[in-house]
Amino acid sequence: MLWEKAETYRKVRELRKGGKKFFFVDGPPYTTGRIHLGTAWNKVIKDSVLRYKSMNCFEVKDRAGWDMHGLPIEVKVEESFGFRNKKDIEAYGVDKFIQRCKEFALRQKDDMTVQFKILEPGSTGRSLHDLEERVS
């Protein structure tokens, strides 16, 4: 991407050092599947706020995260195996099930990262069709 090659993000951050501080912690999405319109809209709005602050000479510190634990991940993995109850997990092996949950969450995070990059500036020429092909 042109923005990546030009290191635009890093350069803008360098230019804003010493400005009034603005710290933003991005509430993370669950890594349970593809992003949906609400998630995309949320990211675009947050990105707009961060850009606005940066263009107004704020030193922006932002932290994004992922919600990669808990019941939503477990439910998705249970569904993929066709498990109906917790005894199915015990029969499969709790340690193996936990490992599958970790693998699922990390795979979804990687797929969602690709999807979020498509929303970034400089990604012209890409389409939702490209998105579908890359994460299918």
N, C-alpha and C. Protein backbone atom coordinates (compact mmCIF):
# COMPACT_ATOMS: atom_id res chain seq x y z
N MET A 1 0.83 -1.17 0.00
CA MET A 1 0.00 0.00 0.00
C MET A 1 0.88 1.25 0.00
N LEU A 2 0.47 2.24 -0.69
CA LEU A 2 1.22 3.49 -0.76
C LEU A 2 1.48 4.08 0.61
N TRP A 3 0.46 4.07 1.48
CA TRP A 3 0.62 4.64 2.82
C TRP A 3 1.67 3.89 3.62
N GLU A 4 1.72 2.58 3.44
CA GLU A 4 2.71 1.79 4.16
C GLU A 4 4.11 2.05 3.63
N LYS A 5 4.25 2.07 2.30
CA LYS A 5 5.57 2.31 1.69
C LYS A 5 6.12 3.68 2.08
N ALA A 6 5.27 4.67 2.14
CA ALA A 6 5.70 6.03 2.47
C ALA A 6 5.86 6.23 3.99
N GLU A 7 5.48 5.22 4.76
CA GLU A 7 5.54 5.28 6.23
C GLU A 7 4.79 6.51 6.77
N THR A 8 3.66 6.80 6.16
CA THR A 8 2.88 7.98 6.51
C THR A 8 2.46 7.99 7.97
N TYR A 9 1.98 6.88 8.46
CA TYR A 9 1.52 6.80 9.85
C TYR A 9 2.64 7.19 10.81
N ARG A 10 3.80 6.58 10.63
CA ARG A 10 4.94 6.85 11.50
C ARG A 10 5.37 8.31 11.40
N LYS A 11 5.43 8.84 10.19
CA LYS A 11 5.87 10.22 9.98
C LYS A 11 4.92 11.22 10.62
N VAL A 12 3.63 11.00 10.49
CA VAL A 12 2.66 11.90 11.10
C VAL A 12 2.79 11.84 12.62
N ARG A 13 2.95 10.65 13.15
CA ARG A 13 3.12 10.51 14.60
C ARG A 13 4.36 11.26 15.08
N GLU A 14 5.42 11.19 14.31
CA GLU A 14 6.66 11.91 14.66
C GLU A 14 6.41 13.42 14.66
N LEU A 15 5.70 13.92 13.65
CA LEU A 15 5.43 15.36 13.55
C LEU A 15 4.60 15.87 14.73
N ARG A 16 3.76 15.03 15.29
CA ARG A 16 2.85 15.45 16.35
C ARG A 16 3.44 15.32 17.74
N LYS A 17 4.65 14.75 17.86
CA LYS A 17 5.27 14.60 19.18
C LYS A 17 5.42 15.96 19.83
N GLY A 18 5.08 16.00 21.10
CA GLY A 18 5.17 17.25 21.86
C GLY A 18 3.88 18.04 21.87
N GLY A 19 2.93 17.62 21.06
CA GLY A 19 1.63 18.30 21.05
C GLY A 19 0.82 17.90 22.26
N LYS A 20 -0.34 18.53 22.40
CA LYS A 20 -1.24 18.17 23.49
C LYS A 20 -1.60 16.69 23.34
N LYS A 21 -1.60 15.98 24.45
CA LYS A 21 -1.81 14.52 24.42
C LYS A 21 -3.28 14.16 24.29
N PHE A 22 -3.52 13.13 23.47
CA PHE A 22 -4.85 12.54 23.34
C PHE A 22 -4.65 11.04 23.34
N PHE A 23 -5.19 10.37 24.35
CA PHE A 23 -5.03 8.93 24.49
C PHE A 23 -6.36 8.25 24.26
N PHE A 24 -6.36 7.22 23.42
CA PHE A 24 -7.59 6.54 23.04
C PHE A 24 -7.39 5.04 23.11
N VAL A 25 -8.22 4.37 23.88
CA VAL A 25 -8.20 2.92 23.95
C VAL A 25 -9.42 2.41 23.20
N ASP A 26 -9.17 1.67 22.14
CA ASP A 26 -10.23 1.17 21.27
C ASP A 26 -10.84 -0.08 21.90
N GLY A 27 -12.13 -0.02 22.20
CA GLY A 27 -12.83 -1.19 22.72
C GLY A 27 -12.79 -2.30 21.68
N PRO A 28 -12.27 -3.45 22.05
CA PRO A 28 -12.00 -4.48 21.06
C PRO A 28 -13.23 -5.28 20.64
N PRO A 29 -13.21 -5.73 19.39
CA PRO A 29 -14.26 -6.65 18.94
C PRO A 29 -13.93 -8.08 19.36
N TYR A 30 -14.95 -8.89 19.52
CA TYR A 30 -14.74 -10.33 19.72
C TYR A 30 -14.22 -10.91 18.42
N THR A 31 -13.31 -11.84 18.52
CA THR A 31 -12.77 -12.49 17.33
C THR A 31 -13.58 -13.75 17.05
N THR A 32 -14.85 -13.55 16.75
CA THR A 32 -15.75 -14.69 16.53
C THR A 32 -16.15 -14.86 15.06
N GLY A 33 -15.65 -14.04 14.17
CA GLY A 33 -15.99 -14.17 12.76
C GLY A 33 -15.68 -12.89 12.02
N ARG A 34 -16.19 -12.81 10.83
CA ARG A 34 -15.95 -11.65 9.99
C ARG A 34 -16.54 -10.39 10.59
N ILE A 35 -15.93 -9.26 10.24
CA ILE A 35 -16.50 -8.01 10.71
C ILE A 35 -17.85 -7.81 10.01
N HIS A 36 -18.72 -7.07 10.66
CA HIS A 36 -20.02 -6.76 10.07
C HIS A 36 -20.12 -5.25 9.93
N LEU A 37 -21.19 -4.79 9.36
CA LEU A 37 -21.35 -3.37 9.07
C LEU A 37 -21.19 -2.52 10.32
N GLY A 38 -21.75 -2.95 11.44
CA GLY A 38 -21.64 -2.19 12.68
C GLY A 38 -20.20 -2.07 13.15
N THR A 39 -19.43 -3.15 13.04
CA THR A 39 -18.03 -3.13 13.43
C THR A 39 -17.24 -2.21 12.50
N ALA A 40 -17.50 -2.31 11.21
CA ALA A 40 -16.80 -1.46 10.25
C ALA A 40 -17.13 0.02 10.49
N TRP A 41 -18.38 0.32 10.69
CA TRP A 41 -18.82 1.70 10.94
C TRP A 41 -18.15 2.24 12.20
N ASN A 42 -18.13 1.43 13.23
CA ASN A 42 -17.49 1.80 14.49
C ASN A 42 -16.02 2.15 14.26
N LYS A 43 -15.30 1.32 13.50
CA LYS A 43 -13.88 1.58 13.22
C LYS A 43 -13.70 2.87 12.43
N VAL A 44 -14.55 3.10 11.45
CA VAL A 44 -14.45 4.31 10.63
C VAL A 44 -14.67 5.56 11.48
N ILE A 45 -15.65 5.53 12.36
CA ILE A 45 -15.92 6.68 13.23
C ILE A 45 -14.73 6.93 14.15
N LYS A 46 -14.22 5.88 14.77
CA LYS A 46 -13.07 6.03 15.67
C LYS A 46 -11.86 6.56 14.91
N ASP A 47 -11.63 6.05 13.72
CA ASP A 47 -10.51 6.50 12.91
C ASP A 47 -10.66 7.98 12.57
N SER A 48 -11.89 8.41 12.29
CA SER A 48 -12.14 9.82 11.98
C SER A 48 -11.80 10.72 13.16
N VAL A 49 -12.16 10.29 14.35
CA VAL A 49 -11.86 11.08 15.55
C VAL A 49 -10.34 11.18 15.74
N LEU A 50 -9.64 10.07 15.58
CA LEU A 50 -8.19 10.08 15.74
C LEU A 50 -7.52 10.96 14.70
N ARG A 51 -7.99 10.92 13.46
CA ARG A 51 -7.43 11.77 12.41
C ARG A 51 -7.71 13.24 12.69
N TYR A 52 -8.91 13.54 13.15
CA TYR A 52 -9.27 14.91 13.48
C TYR A 52 -8.33 15.45 14.56
N LYS A 53 -8.12 14.66 15.59
CA LYS A 53 -7.24 15.08 16.66
C LYS A 53 -5.81 15.27 16.14
N SER A 54 -5.34 14.34 15.33
CA SER A 54 -3.99 14.44 14.78
C SER A 54 -3.86 15.68 13.90
N MET A 55 -4.84 15.95 13.07
CA MET A 55 -4.79 17.12 12.19
C MET A 55 -4.85 18.43 12.97
N ASN A 56 -5.28 18.34 14.21
CA ASN A 56 -5.31 19.51 15.08
C ASN A 56 -4.12 19.50 16.05
N CYS A 57 -3.06 18.85 15.61
CA CYS A 57 -1.75 18.86 16.28
C CYS A 57 -1.71 18.16 17.63
N PHE A 58 -2.65 17.25 17.89
CA PHE A 58 -2.57 16.46 19.11
C PHE A 58 -1.59 15.31 18.89
N GLU A 59 -0.88 14.95 19.95
CA GLU A 59 -0.06 13.75 19.92
C GLU A 59 -0.98 12.60 20.31
N VAL A 60 -1.41 11.87 19.32
CA VAL A 60 -2.40 10.81 19.52
C VAL A 60 -1.71 9.50 19.87
N LYS A 61 -2.13 8.92 20.96
CA LYS A 61 -1.69 7.58 21.36
C LYS A 61 -2.95 6.72 21.35
N ASP A 62 -2.96 5.73 20.50
CA ASP A 62 -4.13 4.86 20.47
C ASP A 62 -3.70 3.42 20.62
N ARG A 63 -4.55 2.66 21.25
CA ARG A 63 -4.29 1.25 21.49
C ARG A 63 -5.52 0.45 21.06
N ALA A 64 -5.29 -0.43 20.15
CA ALA A 64 -6.37 -1.32 19.72
C ALA A 64 -6.17 -2.67 20.40
N GLY A 65 -7.21 -3.42 20.51
CA GLY A 65 -7.11 -4.72 21.14
C GLY A 65 -8.10 -5.69 20.54
N TRP A 66 -8.06 -6.88 21.04
CA TRP A 66 -8.95 -7.95 20.59
C TRP A 66 -9.53 -8.64 21.80
N ASP A 67 -10.79 -8.97 21.74
CA ASP A 67 -11.42 -9.74 22.81
C ASP A 67 -11.39 -11.20 22.35
N MET A 68 -10.44 -11.95 22.86
CA MET A 68 -10.17 -13.29 22.34
C MET A 68 -10.40 -14.39 23.37
N HIS A 69 -11.27 -14.16 24.31
CA HIS A 69 -11.47 -15.16 25.35
C HIS A 69 -12.96 -15.33 25.63
N GLY A 70 -13.25 -16.31 26.40
CA GLY A 70 -14.58 -16.44 26.95
C GLY A 70 -15.59 -17.18 26.10
N LEU A 71 -16.79 -17.05 26.54
CA LEU A 71 -17.91 -17.82 26.01
C LEU A 71 -18.14 -17.65 24.50
N PRO A 72 -18.08 -16.44 23.93
CA PRO A 72 -18.33 -16.35 22.49
C PRO A 72 -17.40 -17.21 21.64
N ILE A 73 -16.14 -17.27 22.02
CA ILE A 73 -15.17 -18.10 21.29
C ILE A 73 -15.50 -19.57 21.49
N GLU A 74 -15.76 -19.94 22.74
CA GLU A 74 -16.08 -21.34 23.04
C GLU A 74 -17.31 -21.81 22.29
N VAL A 75 -18.33 -20.98 22.23
CA VAL A 75 -19.56 -21.35 21.53
C VAL A 75 -19.28 -21.61 20.05
N LYS A 76 -18.49 -20.75 19.43
CA LYS A 76 -18.16 -20.93 18.01
C LYS A 76 -17.41 -22.24 17.78
N VAL A 77 -16.47 -22.56 18.66
CA VAL A 77 -15.70 -23.79 18.52
C VAL A 77 -16.60 -25.00 18.78
N GLU A 78 -17.45 -24.91 19.80
CA GLU A 78 -18.41 -26.00 20.07
C GLU A 78 -19.27 -26.26 18.84
N GLU A 79 -19.77 -25.19 18.22
CA GLU A 79 -20.60 -25.33 17.02
C GLU A 79 -19.83 -26.00 15.89
N SER A 80 -18.55 -25.65 15.74
CA SER A 80 -17.76 -26.23 14.65
C SER A 80 -17.57 -27.73 14.82
N PHE A 81 -17.57 -28.21 16.07
CA PHE A 81 -17.43 -29.64 16.33
C PHE A 81 -18.78 -30.33 16.46
N GLY A 82 -19.85 -29.56 16.51
CA GLY A 82 -21.17 -30.14 16.71
C GLY A 82 -21.42 -30.59 18.14
N PHE A 83 -20.68 -30.02 19.09
CA PHE A 83 -20.87 -30.37 20.49
C PHE A 83 -22.22 -29.85 20.97
N ARG A 84 -22.88 -30.66 21.82
CA ARG A 84 -24.19 -30.27 22.35
C ARG A 84 -24.15 -29.89 23.81
N ASN A 85 -23.11 -30.35 24.51
CA ASN A 85 -23.01 -30.03 25.94
C ASN A 85 -21.56 -30.12 26.38
N LYS A 86 -21.34 -29.81 27.65
CA LYS A 86 -19.97 -29.77 28.19
C LYS A 86 -19.34 -31.16 28.27
N LYS A 87 -20.16 -32.19 28.36
CA LYS A 87 -19.63 -33.55 28.39
C LYS A 87 -18.93 -33.88 27.06
N ASP A 88 -19.42 -33.29 25.95
CA ASP A 88 -18.75 -33.48 24.66
C ASP A 88 -17.33 -32.91 24.69
N ILE A 89 -17.18 -31.78 25.35
CA ILE A 89 -15.85 -31.16 25.49
C ILE A 89 -14.94 -32.07 26.33
N GLU A 90 -15.48 -32.58 27.43
CA GLU A 90 -14.69 -33.47 28.28
C GLU A 90 -14.27 -34.72 27.53
N ALA A 91 -15.17 -35.27 26.73
CA ALA A 91 -14.85 -36.47 25.96
C ALA A 91 -13.77 -36.16 24.91
N TYR A 92 -13.83 -34.99 24.33
CA TYR A 92 -12.85 -34.56 23.33
C TYR A 92 -11.50 -34.29 23.98
N GLY A 93 -11.55 -33.74 25.19
CA GLY A 93 -10.34 -33.38 25.93
C GLY A 93 -10.30 -31.88 26.14
N VAL A 94 -10.34 -31.48 27.40
CA VAL A 94 -10.40 -30.06 27.74
C VAL A 94 -9.18 -29.31 27.19
N ASP A 95 -7.99 -29.88 27.36
CA ASP A 95 -6.78 -29.21 26.88
C ASP A 95 -6.81 -29.04 25.36
N LYS A 96 -7.25 -30.08 24.65
CA LYS A 96 -7.35 -29.98 23.19
C LYS A 96 -8.39 -28.93 22.80
N PHE A 97 -9.49 -28.88 23.53
CA PHE A 97 -10.54 -27.90 23.24
C PHE A 97 -10.02 -26.47 23.45
N ILE A 98 -9.29 -26.26 24.53
CA ILE A 98 -8.71 -24.93 24.80
C ILE A 98 -7.76 -24.55 23.68
N GLN A 99 -6.95 -25.49 23.22
CA GLN A 99 -6.03 -25.22 22.12
C GLN A 99 -6.79 -24.84 20.85
N ARG A 100 -7.89 -25.53 20.57
CA ARG A 100 -8.71 -25.21 19.39
C ARG A 100 -9.31 -23.81 19.53
N CYS A 101 -9.71 -23.44 20.73
CA CYS A 101 -10.25 -22.10 20.97
C CYS A 101 -9.19 -21.04 20.68
N LYS A 102 -7.97 -21.28 21.14
CA LYS A 102 -6.88 -20.34 20.88
C LYS A 102 -6.63 -20.22 19.38
N GLU A 103 -6.56 -21.35 18.69
CA GLU A 103 -6.31 -21.34 17.25
C GLU A 103 -7.43 -20.60 16.51
N PHE A 104 -8.67 -20.86 16.90
CA PHE A 104 -9.81 -20.19 16.27
C PHE A 104 -9.72 -18.68 16.46
N ALA A 105 -9.48 -18.25 17.69
CA ALA A 105 -9.42 -16.82 17.99
C ALA A 105 -8.30 -16.13 17.22
N LEU A 106 -7.14 -16.75 17.15
CA LEU A 106 -6.02 -16.15 16.43
C LEU A 106 -6.28 -16.09 14.93
N ARG A 107 -6.89 -17.13 14.38
CA ARG A 107 -7.23 -17.14 12.95
C ARG A 107 -8.25 -16.03 12.63
N GLN A 108 -9.25 -15.89 13.50
CA GLN A 108 -10.25 -14.83 13.29
C GLN A 108 -9.62 -13.45 13.40
N LYS A 109 -8.70 -13.28 14.35
CA LYS A 109 -8.00 -11.99 14.51
C LYS A 109 -7.25 -11.65 13.24
N ASP A 110 -6.55 -12.64 12.67
CA ASP A 110 -5.80 -12.40 11.44
C ASP A 110 -6.74 -12.03 10.29
N ASP A 111 -7.85 -12.74 10.17
CA ASP A 111 -8.83 -12.43 9.12
C ASP A 111 -9.43 -11.04 9.31
N MET A 112 -9.76 -10.70 10.55
CA MET A 112 -10.34 -9.38 10.82
C MET A 112 -9.33 -8.27 10.56
N THR A 113 -8.06 -8.54 10.82
CA THR A 113 -7.02 -7.55 10.55
C THR A 113 -6.99 -7.22 9.06
N VAL A 114 -7.07 -8.24 8.22
CA VAL A 114 -7.12 -8.02 6.77
C VAL A 114 -8.36 -7.18 6.43
N GLN A 115 -9.48 -7.51 7.03
CA GLN A 115 -10.72 -6.78 6.74
C GLN A 115 -10.60 -5.32 7.17
N PHE A 116 -10.03 -5.06 8.34
CA PHE A 116 -9.87 -3.69 8.81
C PHE A 116 -8.91 -2.91 7.92
N LYS A 117 -7.88 -3.57 7.39
CA LYS A 117 -6.93 -2.89 6.51
C LYS A 117 -7.62 -2.40 5.24
N ILE A 118 -8.61 -3.12 4.79
CA ILE A 118 -9.35 -2.70 3.59
C ILE A 118 -10.09 -1.39 3.85
N LEU A 119 -10.45 -1.15 5.09
CA LEU A 119 -11.14 0.10 5.43
C LEU A 119 -10.17 1.29 5.51
N GLU A 120 -8.87 1.03 5.54
CA GLU A 120 -7.88 2.09 5.70
C GLU A 120 -7.76 2.92 4.43
N PRO A 121 -7.28 4.16 4.58
CA PRO A 121 -7.03 4.99 3.41
C PRO A 121 -5.92 4.39 2.56
N GLY A 122 -5.95 4.68 1.30
CA GLY A 122 -4.93 4.15 0.40
C GLY A 122 -5.26 2.76 -0.10
N SER A 123 -6.41 2.24 0.29
CA SER A 123 -6.77 0.90 -0.15
C SER A 123 -7.70 0.95 -1.35
N THR A 124 -7.68 2.05 -2.10
CA THR A 124 -8.53 2.16 -3.28
C THR A 124 -8.20 1.05 -4.26
N GLY A 125 -9.18 0.65 -4.99
CA GLY A 125 -8.99 -0.45 -5.92
C GLY A 125 -9.39 -1.77 -5.31
N ARG A 126 -9.59 -1.79 -4.03
CA ARG A 126 -10.05 -3.01 -3.36
C ARG A 126 -11.56 -2.90 -3.20
N SER A 127 -12.16 -4.03 -3.13
CA SER A 127 -13.61 -4.03 -3.00
C SER A 127 -14.03 -5.05 -1.96
N LEU A 128 -15.30 -5.04 -1.64
CA LEU A 128 -15.81 -6.05 -0.71
C LEU A 128 -15.65 -7.44 -1.31
N HIS A 129 -15.70 -7.53 -2.63
CA HIS A 129 -15.49 -8.84 -3.29
C HIS A 129 -14.07 -9.33 -2.98
N ASP A 130 -13.07 -8.43 -3.07
CA ASP A 130 -11.70 -8.81 -2.72
C ASP A 130 -11.63 -9.30 -1.29
N LEU A 131 -12.33 -8.60 -0.41
CA LEU A 131 -12.38 -8.96 1.00
C LEU A 131 -12.90 -10.37 1.17
N GLU A 132 -14.01 -10.68 0.51
CA GLU A 132 -14.61 -12.01 0.63
C GLU A 132 -13.64 -13.09 0.15
N GLU A 133 -12.94 -12.83 -0.97
CA GLU A 133 -12.02 -13.83 -1.50
C GLU A 133 -10.85 -14.10 -0.57
N ARG A 134 -10.34 -13.05 0.08
CA ARG A 134 -9.16 -13.21 0.91
C ARG A 134 -9.45 -13.92 2.21
N VAL A 135 -10.63 -13.81 2.75
CA VAL A 135 -10.89 -14.40 4.05
C VAL A 135 -11.74 -15.65 3.97
N SER A 136 -12.07 -16.07 2.79
CA SER A 136 -12.88 -17.29 2.65
C SER A 136 -12.04 -18.52 2.80
